[in-house]
Amino acid sequence: IESIFVVTNRISFHNGYHFWMEPFFYTLMFTFIRLHYKRPLLTY
């Protein structure tokens, strides 16, 4: 989904952050979503 935004110039990356980092970001994001649901204090 984000690739479509990149191709259509709806998102740009700056200050050392790059599109190739997105799979790592989403891995962290979804892991933390689930972790927060199960263990919110640890997630904070």
All heavy atoms as atom14 arrays in JSON, in Angstrom:
{
  "sequence": "IESIFVVTNRISFHNGYHFWMEPFFYTLMFTFIRLHYKRPLLTY",
  "atom14_mask": [
    [1, 1, 1, 1, 1, 1, 1, 1, 0, 0, 0, 0, 0, 0],
    [1, 1, 1, 1, 1, 1, 1, 1, 1, 0, 0, 0, 0, 0],
    [1, 1, 1, 1, 1, 1, 0, 0, 0, 0, 0, 0, 0, 0],
    [1, 1, 1, 1, 1, 1, 1, 1, 0, 0, 0, 0, 0, 0],
    [1, 1, 1, 1, 1, 1, 1, 1, 1, 1, 1, 0, 0, 0],
    [1, 1, 1, 1, 1, 1, 1, 0, 0, 0, 0, 0, 0, 0],
    [1, 1, 1, 1, 1, 1, 1, 0, 0, 0, 0, 0, 0, 0],
    [1, 1, 1, 1, 1, 1, 1, 0, 0, 0, 0, 0, 0, 0],
    [1, 1, 1, 1, 1, 1, 1, 1, 0, 0, 0, 0, 0, 0],
    [1, 1, 1, 1, 1, 1, 1, 1, 1, 1, 1, 0, 0, 0],
    [1, 1, 1, 1, 1, 1, 1, 1, 0, 0, 0, 0, 0, 0],
    [1, 1, 1, 1, 1, 1, 0, 0, 0, 0, 0, 0, 0, 0],
    [1, 1, 1, 1, 1, 1, 1, 1, 1, 1, 1, 0, 0, 0],
    [1, 1, 1, 1, 1, 1, 1, 1, 1, 1, 0, 0, 0, 0],
    [1, 1, 1, 1, 1, 1, 1, 1, 0, 0, 0, 0, 0, 0],
    [1, 1, 1, 1, 0, 0, 0, 0, 0, 0, 0, 0, 0, 0],
    [1, 1, 1, 1, 1, 1, 1, 1, 1, 1, 1, 1, 0, 0],
    [1, 1, 1, 1, 1, 1, 1, 1, 1, 1, 0, 0, 0, 0],
    [1, 1, 1, 1, 1, 1, 1, 1, 1, 1, 1, 0, 0, 0],
    [1, 1, 1, 1, 1, 1, 1, 1, 1, 1, 1, 1, 1, 1],
    [1, 1, 1, 1, 1, 1, 1, 1, 0, 0, 0, 0, 0, 0],
    [1, 1, 1, 1, 1, 1, 1, 1, 1, 0, 0, 0, 0, 0],
    [1, 1, 1, 1, 1, 1, 1, 0, 0, 0, 0, 0, 0, 0],
    [1, 1, 1, 1, 1, 1, 1, 1, 1, 1, 1, 0, 0, 0],
    [1, 1, 1, 1, 1, 1, 1, 1, 1, 1, 1, 0, 0, 0],
    [1, 1, 1, 1, 1, 1, 1, 1, 1, 1, 1, 1, 0, 0],
    [1, 1, 1, 1, 1, 1, 1, 0, 0, 0, 0, 0, 0, 0],
    [1, 1, 1, 1, 1, 1, 1, 1, 0, 0, 0, 0, 0, 0],
    [1, 1, 1, 1, 1, 1, 1, 1, 0, 0, 0, 0, 0, 0],
    [1, 1, 1, 1, 1, 1, 1, 1, 1, 1, 1, 0, 0, 0],
    [1, 1, 1, 1, 1, 1, 1, 0, 0, 0, 0, 0, 0, 0],
    [1, 1, 1, 1, 1, 1, 1, 1, 1, 1, 1, 0, 0, 0],
    [1, 1, 1, 1, 1, 1, 1, 1, 0, 0, 0, 0, 0, 0],
    [1, 1, 1, 1, 1, 1, 1, 1, 1, 1, 1, 0, 0, 0],
    [1, 1, 1, 1, 1, 1, 1, 1, 0, 0, 0, 0, 0, 0],
    [1, 1, 1, 1, 1, 1, 1, 1, 1, 1, 0, 0, 0, 0],
    [1, 1, 1, 1, 1, 1, 1, 1, 1, 1, 1, 1, 0, 0],
    [1, 1, 1, 1, 1, 1, 1, 1, 1, 0, 0, 0, 0, 0],
    [1, 1, 1, 1, 1, 1, 1, 1, 1, 1, 1, 0, 0, 0],
    [1, 1, 1, 1, 1, 1, 1, 0, 0, 0, 0, 0, 0, 0],
    [1, 1, 1, 1, 1, 1, 1, 1, 0, 0, 0, 0, 0, 0],
    [1, 1, 1, 1, 1, 1, 1, 1, 0, 0, 0, 0, 0, 0],
    [1, 1, 1, 1, 1, 1, 1, 0, 0, 0, 0, 0, 0, 0],
    [1, 1, 1, 1, 1, 1, 1, 1, 1, 1, 1, 1, 0, 0]
  ],
  "atom14_positions": [
    [[0.84, -1.2, 0.0], [0.0, 0.0, 0.0], [0.87, 1.25, 0.0], [0.65, 2.18, -0.76], [-0.96, 0.0, 1.2], [-2.03, -1.08, 1.02], [-1.62, 1.37, 1.39], [-2.88, -1.34, 2.26], [0.0, 0.0, 0.0], [0.0, 0.0, 0.0], [0.0, 0.0, 0.0], [0.0, 0.0, 0.0], [0.0, 0.0, 0.0], [0.0, 0.0, 0.0]],
    [[1.89, 1.24, 0.84], [2.78, 2.4, 0.9], [3.55, 2.58, -0.4], [3.86, 3.7, -0.79], [3.74, 2.29, 2.08], [4.47, 3.59, 2.31], [5.0, 3.72, 3.7], [4.38, 3.23, 4.66], [6.08, 4.32, 3.82], [0.0, 0.0, 0.0], [0.0, 0.0, 0.0], [0.0, 0.0, 0.0], [0.0, 0.0, 0.0], [0.0, 0.0, 0.0]],
    [[3.85, 1.5, -1.09], [4.54, 1.59, -2.39], [3.75, 2.43, -3.38], [4.31, 3.2, -4.17], [4.76, 0.2, -2.98], [5.6, -0.56, -2.17], [0.0, 0.0, 0.0], [0.0, 0.0, 0.0], [0.0, 0.0, 0.0], [0.0, 0.0, 0.0], [0.0, 0.0, 0.0], [0.0, 0.0, 0.0], [0.0, 0.0, 0.0], [0.0, 0.0, 0.0]],
    [[2.44, 2.3, -3.32], [1.59, 3.11, -4.21], [1.76, 4.59, -3.87], [1.86, 5.43, -4.77], [0.11, 2.67, -4.08], [-0.05, 1.23, -4.56], [-0.81, 3.62, -4.85], [-1.39, 0.6, -4.21], [0.0, 0.0, 0.0], [0.0, 0.0, 0.0], [0.0, 0.0, 0.0], [0.0, 0.0, 0.0], [0.0, 0.0, 0.0], [0.0, 0.0, 0.0]],
    [[1.86, 4.9, -2.59], [2.06, 6.29, -2.18], [3.44, 6.8, -2.61], [3.59, 7.96, -2.97], [1.88, 6.44, -0.67], [0.45, 6.32, -0.23], [-0.08, 5.1, 0.15], [-0.38, 7.43, -0.23], [-1.4, 4.99, 0.53], [-1.71, 7.33, 0.16], [-2.22, 6.1, 0.54], [0.0, 0.0, 0.0], [0.0, 0.0, 0.0], [0.0, 0.0, 0.0]],
    [[4.43, 5.92, -2.59], [5.77, 6.31, -3.05], [5.76, 6.58, -4.55], [6.26, 7.61, -5.0], [6.81, 5.21, -2.69], [8.15, 5.48, -3.37], [6.99, 5.11, -1.18], [0.0, 0.0, 0.0], [0.0, 0.0, 0.0], [0.0, 0.0, 0.0], [0.0, 0.0, 0.0], [0.0, 0.0, 0.0], [0.0, 0.0, 0.0], [0.0, 0.0, 0.0]],
    [[5.2, 5.67, -5.31], [5.17, 5.78, -6.77], [4.4, 7.03, -7.21], [4.76, 7.68, -8.19], [4.59, 4.5, -7.41], [4.29, 4.67, -8.89], [5.54, 3.34, -7.19], [0.0, 0.0, 0.0], [0.0, 0.0, 0.0], [0.0, 0.0, 0.0], [0.0, 0.0, 0.0], [0.0, 0.0, 0.0], [0.0, 0.0, 0.0], [0.0, 0.0, 0.0]],
    [[3.36, 7.37, -6.48], [2.54, 8.53, -6.85], [3.0, 9.82, -6.17], [2.3, 10.83, -6.21], [1.05, 8.27, -6.52], [0.93, 8.01, -5.11], [0.5, 7.12, -7.33], [0.0, 0.0, 0.0], [0.0, 0.0, 0.0], [0.0, 0.0, 0.0], [0.0, 0.0, 0.0], [0.0, 0.0, 0.0], [0.0, 0.0, 0.0], [0.0, 0.0, 0.0]],
    [[4.17, 9.76, -5.53], [4.76, 10.93, -4.85], [3.85, 11.5, -3.77], [3.82, 12.7, -3.55], [5.15, 12.01, -5.86], [6.26, 11.55, -6.76], [7.23, 10.98, -6.29], [6.11, 11.76, -8.06], [0.0, 0.0, 0.0], [0.0, 0.0, 0.0], [0.0, 0.0, 0.0], [0.0, 0.0, 0.0], [0.0, 0.0, 0.0], [0.0, 0.0, 0.0]],
    [[3.14, 10.65, -3.07], [2.28, 11.08, -1.96], [3.01, 10.98, -0.63], [2.51, 11.41, 0.39], [0.99, 10.25, -1.9], [0.08, 10.5, -3.05], [-0.72, 11.77, -2.82], [-0.85, 12.5, -4.05], [-0.7, 13.81, -4.19], [-0.41, 14.56, -3.18], [-0.84, 14.38, -5.34], [0.0, 0.0, 0.0], [0.0, 0.0, 0.0], [0.0, 0.0, 0.0]],
    [[4.21, 10.37, -0.65], [5.03, 10.29, 0.55], [6.49, 10.42, 0.13], [6.88, 9.95, -0.95], [4.8, 8.97, 1.33], [5.51, 9.0, 2.69], [5.22, 7.76, 0.52], [5.13, 7.85, 3.6], [0.0, 0.0, 0.0], [0.0, 0.0, 0.0], [0.0, 0.0, 0.0], [0.0, 0.0, 0.0], [0.0, 0.0, 0.0], [0.0, 0.0, 0.0]],
    [[7.27, 11.09, 0.96], [8.71, 11.19, 0.71], [9.43, 10.95, 2.04], [8.87, 11.12, 3.12], [9.08, 12.55, 0.13], [8.67, 13.6, 0.97], [0.0, 0.0, 0.0], [0.0, 0.0, 0.0], [0.0, 0.0, 0.0], [0.0, 0.0, 0.0], [0.0, 0.0, 0.0], [0.0, 0.0, 0.0], [0.0, 0.0, 0.0], [0.0, 0.0, 0.0]],
    [[10.67, 10.53, 1.94], [11.46, 10.16, 3.12], [12.64, 11.12, 3.26], [13.24, 11.53, 2.26], [11.93, 8.71, 2.99], [10.77, 7.76, 2.83], [10.38, 7.33, 1.58], [10.06, 7.34, 3.94], [9.29, 6.47, 1.43], [8.97, 6.5, 3.8], [8.59, 6.06, 2.54], [0.0, 0.0, 0.0], [0.0, 0.0, 0.0], [0.0, 0.0, 0.0]],
    [[12.97, 11.45, 4.52], [13.95, 12.5, 4.78], [14.82, 12.16, 5.98], [14.51, 11.27, 6.76], [13.24, 13.82, 5.05], [12.26, 14.2, 4.0], [12.62, 14.84, 2.84], [10.91, 13.99, 3.91], [11.55, 15.02, 2.08], [10.5, 14.51, 2.7], [0.0, 0.0, 0.0], [0.0, 0.0, 0.0], [0.0, 0.0, 0.0], [0.0, 0.0, 0.0]],
    [[15.89, 12.93, 6.14], [16.74, 12.91, 7.32], [17.25, 11.52, 7.68], [17.29, 11.13, 8.84], [16.0, 13.54, 8.51], [15.69, 15.0, 8.25], [16.56, 15.77, 7.84], [14.44, 15.4, 8.45], [0.0, 0.0, 0.0], [0.0, 0.0, 0.0], [0.0, 0.0, 0.0], [0.0, 0.0, 0.0], [0.0, 0.0, 0.0], [0.0, 0.0, 0.0]],
    [[17.64, 10.78, 6.66], [18.25, 9.47, 6.87], [17.28, 8.31, 6.88], [17.7, 7.15, 6.97], [0.0, 0.0, 0.0], [0.0, 0.0, 0.0], [0.0, 0.0, 0.0], [0.0, 0.0, 0.0], [0.0, 0.0, 0.0], [0.0, 0.0, 0.0], [0.0, 0.0, 0.0], [0.0, 0.0, 0.0], [0.0, 0.0, 0.0], [0.0, 0.0, 0.0]],
    [[15.99, 8.58, 6.8], [15.01, 7.51, 6.76], [14.73, 7.19, 5.29], [14.64, 8.08, 4.46], [13.71, 7.92, 7.47], [12.79, 6.76, 7.72], [12.96, 5.94, 8.83], [11.75, 6.46, 6.83], [12.12, 4.86, 9.05], [10.91, 5.38, 7.06], [11.11, 4.58, 8.16], [10.29, 3.51, 8.37], [0.0, 0.0, 0.0], [0.0, 0.0, 0.0]],
    [[14.6, 5.9, 4.98], [14.41, 5.47, 3.59], [13.29, 4.44, 3.5], [12.98, 3.75, 4.47], [15.7, 4.84, 3.04], [16.88, 5.75, 3.15], [17.12, 6.76, 2.26], [17.88, 5.81, 4.07], [18.22, 7.41, 2.61], [18.69, 6.86, 3.7], [0.0, 0.0, 0.0], [0.0, 0.0, 0.0], [0.0, 0.0, 0.0], [0.0, 0.0, 0.0]],
    [[12.73, 4.32, 2.31], [11.63, 3.38, 2.09], [12.02, 1.95, 2.43], [11.2, 1.19, 2.95], [11.13, 3.48, 0.64], [10.02, 2.53, 0.33], [8.77, 2.68, 0.92], [10.21, 1.47, -0.55], [7.73, 1.79, 0.64], [9.19, 0.58, -0.83], [7.95, 0.75, -0.23], [0.0, 0.0, 0.0], [0.0, 0.0, 0.0], [0.0, 0.0, 0.0]],
    [[13.27, 1.57, 2.19], [13.69, 0.2, 2.47], [13.58, -0.14, 3.96], [13.57, -1.32, 4.34], [15.09, -0.1, 1.94], [16.2, 0.67, 2.59], [16.78, 1.82, 2.12], [16.89, 0.35, 3.8], [17.78, 2.24, 2.98], [17.86, 1.34, 4.03], [16.77, -0.68, 4.74], [18.71, 1.34, 5.13], [17.62, -0.68, 5.84], [18.57, 0.31, 6.02]],
    [[13.46, 0.88, 4.82], [13.33, 0.66, 6.26], [11.9, 0.31, 6.67], [11.66, -0.14, 7.79], [13.79, 1.91, 7.02], [15.24, 2.23, 6.82], [15.63, 3.81, 7.61], [17.41, 3.8, 7.5], [0.0, 0.0, 0.0], [0.0, 0.0, 0.0], [0.0, 0.0, 0.0], [0.0, 0.0, 0.0], [0.0, 0.0, 0.0], [0.0, 0.0, 0.0]],
    [[10.95, 0.5, 5.77], [9.54, 0.3, 6.1], [9.19, -1.11, 6.56], [8.41, -1.26, 7.49], [8.65, 0.73, 4.92], [8.6, 2.24, 4.74], [8.0, 2.95, 5.93], [8.77, 3.3, 6.86], [6.79, 3.16, 5.97], [0.0, 0.0, 0.0], [0.0, 0.0, 0.0], [0.0, 0.0, 0.0], [0.0, 0.0, 0.0], [0.0, 0.0, 0.0]],
    [[9.72, -2.17, 5.93], [9.37, -3.51, 6.46], [9.78, -3.67, 7.93], [9.05, -4.3, 8.7], [10.15, -4.47, 5.56], [10.34, -3.71, 4.29], [10.5, -2.26, 4.7], [0.0, 0.0, 0.0], [0.0, 0.0, 0.0], [0.0, 0.0, 0.0], [0.0, 0.0, 0.0], [0.0, 0.0, 0.0], [0.0, 0.0, 0.0], [0.0, 0.0, 0.0]],
    [[10.91, -3.1, 8.31], [11.35, -3.17, 9.71], [10.41, -2.35, 10.6], [10.04, -2.77, 11.7], [12.79, -2.69, 9.85], [13.74, -3.48, 9.01], [14.27, -2.94, 7.84], [14.1, -4.77, 9.36], [15.13, -3.68, 7.04], [14.97, -5.52, 8.57], [15.48, -4.96, 7.41], [0.0, 0.0, 0.0], [0.0, 0.0, 0.0], [0.0, 0.0, 0.0]],
    [[10.03, -1.16, 10.12], [9.1, -0.31, 10.86], [7.77, -1.04, 11.07], [7.23, -1.07, 12.18], [8.88, 1.02, 10.14], [7.82, 1.85, 10.78], [8.11, 2.61, 11.92], [6.52, 1.87, 10.28], [7.12, 3.36, 12.54], [5.54, 2.62, 10.89], [5.84, 3.37, 12.02], [0.0, 0.0, 0.0], [0.0, 0.0, 0.0], [0.0, 0.0, 0.0]],
    [[7.21, -1.62, 9.99], [5.93, -2.31, 10.12], [6.04, -3.56, 11.0], [5.09, -3.89, 11.72], [5.35, -2.66, 8.74], [4.76, -1.46, 8.06], [5.29, -0.97, 6.86], [3.68, -0.77, 8.6], [4.75, 0.14, 6.24], [3.14, 0.35, 7.99], [3.67, 0.79, 6.81], [3.14, 1.89, 6.21], [0.0, 0.0, 0.0], [0.0, 0.0, 0.0]],
    [[7.17, -4.24, 10.97], [7.37, -5.38, 11.87], [7.28, -4.91, 13.31], [6.59, -5.52, 14.14], [8.74, -6.04, 11.61], [8.79, -6.49, 10.26], [8.99, -7.19, 12.57], [0.0, 0.0, 0.0], [0.0, 0.0, 0.0], [0.0, 0.0, 0.0], [0.0, 0.0, 0.0], [0.0, 0.0, 0.0], [0.0, 0.0, 0.0], [0.0, 0.0, 0.0]],
    [[7.97, -3.82, 13.61], [7.93, -3.24, 14.95], [6.52, -2.77, 15.3], [6.02, -3.05, 16.39], [8.92, -2.07, 15.01], [9.27, -1.52, 16.37], [9.96, -2.57, 17.23], [10.18, -0.31, 16.19], [0.0, 0.0, 0.0], [0.0, 0.0, 0.0], [0.0, 0.0, 0.0], [0.0, 0.0, 0.0], [0.0, 0.0, 0.0], [0.0, 0.0, 0.0]],
    [[5.86, -2.09, 14.37], [4.54, -1.55, 14.62], [3.54, -2.67, 14.95], [2.84, -2.6, 15.97], [4.04, -0.76, 13.41], [2.69, -0.11, 13.63], [2.13, 0.81, 12.18], [1.09, -0.42, 11.4], [0.0, 0.0, 0.0], [0.0, 0.0, 0.0], [0.0, 0.0, 0.0], [0.0, 0.0, 0.0], [0.0, 0.0, 0.0], [0.0, 0.0, 0.0]],
    [[3.46, -3.69, 14.12], [2.49, -4.76, 14.36], [2.85, -5.58, 15.6], [1.96, -6.02, 16.34], [2.33, -5.64, 13.13], [1.6, -4.95, 12.01], [2.23, -4.71, 10.8], [0.29, -4.52, 12.17], [1.56, -4.06, 9.77], [-0.39, -3.87, 11.16], [0.25, -3.63, 9.95], [0.0, 0.0, 0.0], [0.0, 0.0, 0.0], [0.0, 0.0, 0.0]],
    [[4.14, -5.75, 15.85], [4.55, -6.45, 17.07], [4.11, -5.68, 18.31], [3.57, -6.25, 19.26], [6.09, -6.64, 17.09], [6.46, -7.42, 15.94], [6.54, -7.34, 18.36], [0.0, 0.0, 0.0], [0.0, 0.0, 0.0], [0.0, 0.0, 0.0], [0.0, 0.0, 0.0], [0.0, 0.0, 0.0], [0.0, 0.0, 0.0], [0.0, 0.0, 0.0]],
    [[4.29, -4.35, 18.28], [3.91, -3.53, 19.42], [2.38, -3.43, 19.56], [1.88, -3.32, 20.68], [4.54, -2.14, 19.32], [5.94, -2.09, 19.89], [6.84, -3.12, 19.7], [6.36, -0.99, 20.62], [8.11, -3.08, 20.22], [7.63, -0.93, 21.15], [8.51, -1.98, 20.96], [0.0, 0.0, 0.0], [0.0, 0.0, 0.0], [0.0, 0.0, 0.0]],
    [[1.66, -3.46, 18.46], [0.2, -3.44, 18.55], [-0.27, -4.68, 19.31], [-1.08, -4.58, 20.26], [-0.45, -3.36, 17.15], [-0.24, -1.97, 16.55], [-1.94, -3.72, 17.21], [-0.6, -1.87, 15.08], [0.0, 0.0, 0.0], [0.0, 0.0, 0.0], [0.0, 0.0, 0.0], [0.0, 0.0, 0.0], [0.0, 0.0, 0.0], [0.0, 0.0, 0.0]],
    [[0.22, -5.81, 18.93], [-0.19, -7.05, 19.6], [0.32, -7.08, 21.04], [-0.4, -7.49, 21.96], [0.32, -8.26, 18.82], [0.01, -9.59, 19.45], [-1.47, -9.88, 19.53], [-1.67, -11.18, 20.18], [-2.82, -11.65, 20.5], [-3.91, -10.99, 20.24], [-2.91, -12.83, 21.08], [0.0, 0.0, 0.0], [0.0, 0.0, 0.0], [0.0, 0.0, 0.0]],
    [[1.57, -6.66, 21.23], [2.14, -6.65, 22.58], [1.35, -5.72, 23.49], [1.08, -6.05, 24.65], [3.62, -6.25, 22.54], [4.37, -6.33, 23.85], [4.38, -7.76, 24.4], [5.8, -5.82, 23.67], [0.0, 0.0, 0.0], [0.0, 0.0, 0.0], [0.0, 0.0, 0.0], [0.0, 0.0, 0.0], [0.0, 0.0, 0.0], [0.0, 0.0, 0.0]],
    [[0.95, -4.55, 22.97], [0.17, -3.62, 23.79], [-1.15, -4.25, 24.19], [-1.61, -4.09, 25.33], [-0.08, -2.3, 23.06], [-0.81, -1.33, 23.92], [-2.19, -1.31, 24.02], [-0.35, -0.36, 24.75], [-2.54, -0.36, 24.86], [-1.45, 0.23, 25.32], [0.0, 0.0, 0.0], [0.0, 0.0, 0.0], [0.0, 0.0, 0.0], [0.0, 0.0, 0.0]],
    [[-1.77, -4.95, 23.29], [-3.04, -5.62, 23.6], [-2.86, -6.63, 24.74], [-3.71, -6.75, 25.62], [-3.59, -6.3, 22.34], [-4.81, -7.12, 22.57], [-6.01, -6.51, 22.96], [-4.8, -8.5, 22.42], [-7.15, -7.28, 23.19], [-5.93, -9.26, 22.64], [-7.1, -8.64, 23.03], [-8.23, -9.39, 23.25], [0.0, 0.0, 0.0], [0.0, 0.0, 0.0]],
    [[-1.74, -7.34, 24.74], [-1.5, -8.38, 25.75], [-0.81, -7.84, 27.01], [-1.14, -8.26, 28.11], [-0.64, -9.51, 25.15], [-1.31, -10.25, 24.01], [-2.64, -10.82, 24.39], [-2.54, -12.25, 24.81], [-3.85, -12.81, 25.19], [0.0, 0.0, 0.0], [0.0, 0.0, 0.0], [0.0, 0.0, 0.0], [0.0, 0.0, 0.0], [0.0, 0.0, 0.0]],
    [[0.15, -6.92, 26.82], [0.96, -6.43, 27.95], [1.24, -4.94, 27.78], [2.33, -4.53, 27.4], [2.26, -7.22, 28.03], [1.96, -8.71, 28.18], [3.0, -9.55, 28.8], [3.63, -9.0, 29.95], [4.88, -9.31, 30.29], [5.58, -10.15, 29.59], [5.43, -8.78, 31.37], [0.0, 0.0, 0.0], [0.0, 0.0, 0.0], [0.0, 0.0, 0.0]],
    [[0.24, -4.1, 28.08], [0.38, -2.66, 27.81], [1.53, -1.98, 28.56], [2.25, -1.17, 27.97], [-0.97, -2.08, 28.22], [-1.73, -3.15, 28.87], [-1.07, -4.45, 28.58], [0.0, 0.0, 0.0], [0.0, 0.0, 0.0], [0.0, 0.0, 0.0], [0.0, 0.0, 0.0], [0.0, 0.0, 0.0], [0.0, 0.0, 0.0], [0.0, 0.0, 0.0]],
    [[1.73, -2.28, 29.83], [2.8, -1.6, 30.57], [4.17, -1.9, 29.99], [5.01, -1.0, 29.84], [2.74, -1.95, 32.06], [1.52, -1.43, 32.81], [1.53, -1.89, 34.26], [1.43, 0.08, 32.71], [0.0, 0.0, 0.0], [0.0, 0.0, 0.0], [0.0, 0.0, 0.0], [0.0, 0.0, 0.0], [0.0, 0.0, 0.0], [0.0, 0.0, 0.0]],
    [[4.42, -3.14, 29.65], [5.68, -3.51, 29.0], [5.84, -2.76, 27.69], [6.92, -2.25, 27.36], [5.74, -5.03, 28.77], [6.94, -5.53, 27.96], [8.24, -5.22, 28.68], [6.79, -7.02, 27.68], [0.0, 0.0, 0.0], [0.0, 0.0, 0.0], [0.0, 0.0, 0.0], [0.0, 0.0, 0.0], [0.0, 0.0, 0.0], [0.0, 0.0, 0.0]],
    [[4.75, -2.65, 26.94], [4.8, -1.96, 25.65], [5.12, -0.49, 25.81], [5.86, 0.08, 25.01], [3.46, -2.14, 24.9], [3.14, -3.53, 24.87], [3.55, -1.62, 23.47], [0.0, 0.0, 0.0], [0.0, 0.0, 0.0], [0.0, 0.0, 0.0], [0.0, 0.0, 0.0], [0.0, 0.0, 0.0], [0.0, 0.0, 0.0], [0.0, 0.0, 0.0]],
    [[4.59, 0.15, 26.85], [4.91, 1.56, 27.08], [6.4, 1.74, 27.34], [7.03, 2.65, 26.8], [4.11, 2.13, 28.26], [2.63, 2.22, 27.99], [1.72, 1.78, 28.94], [2.13, 2.73, 26.8], [0.35, 1.85, 28.71], [0.77, 2.8, 26.56], [-0.11, 2.36, 27.52], [-1.46, 2.43, 27.29], [0.0, 0.0, 0.0], [0.0, 0.0, 0.0]]
  ]
}
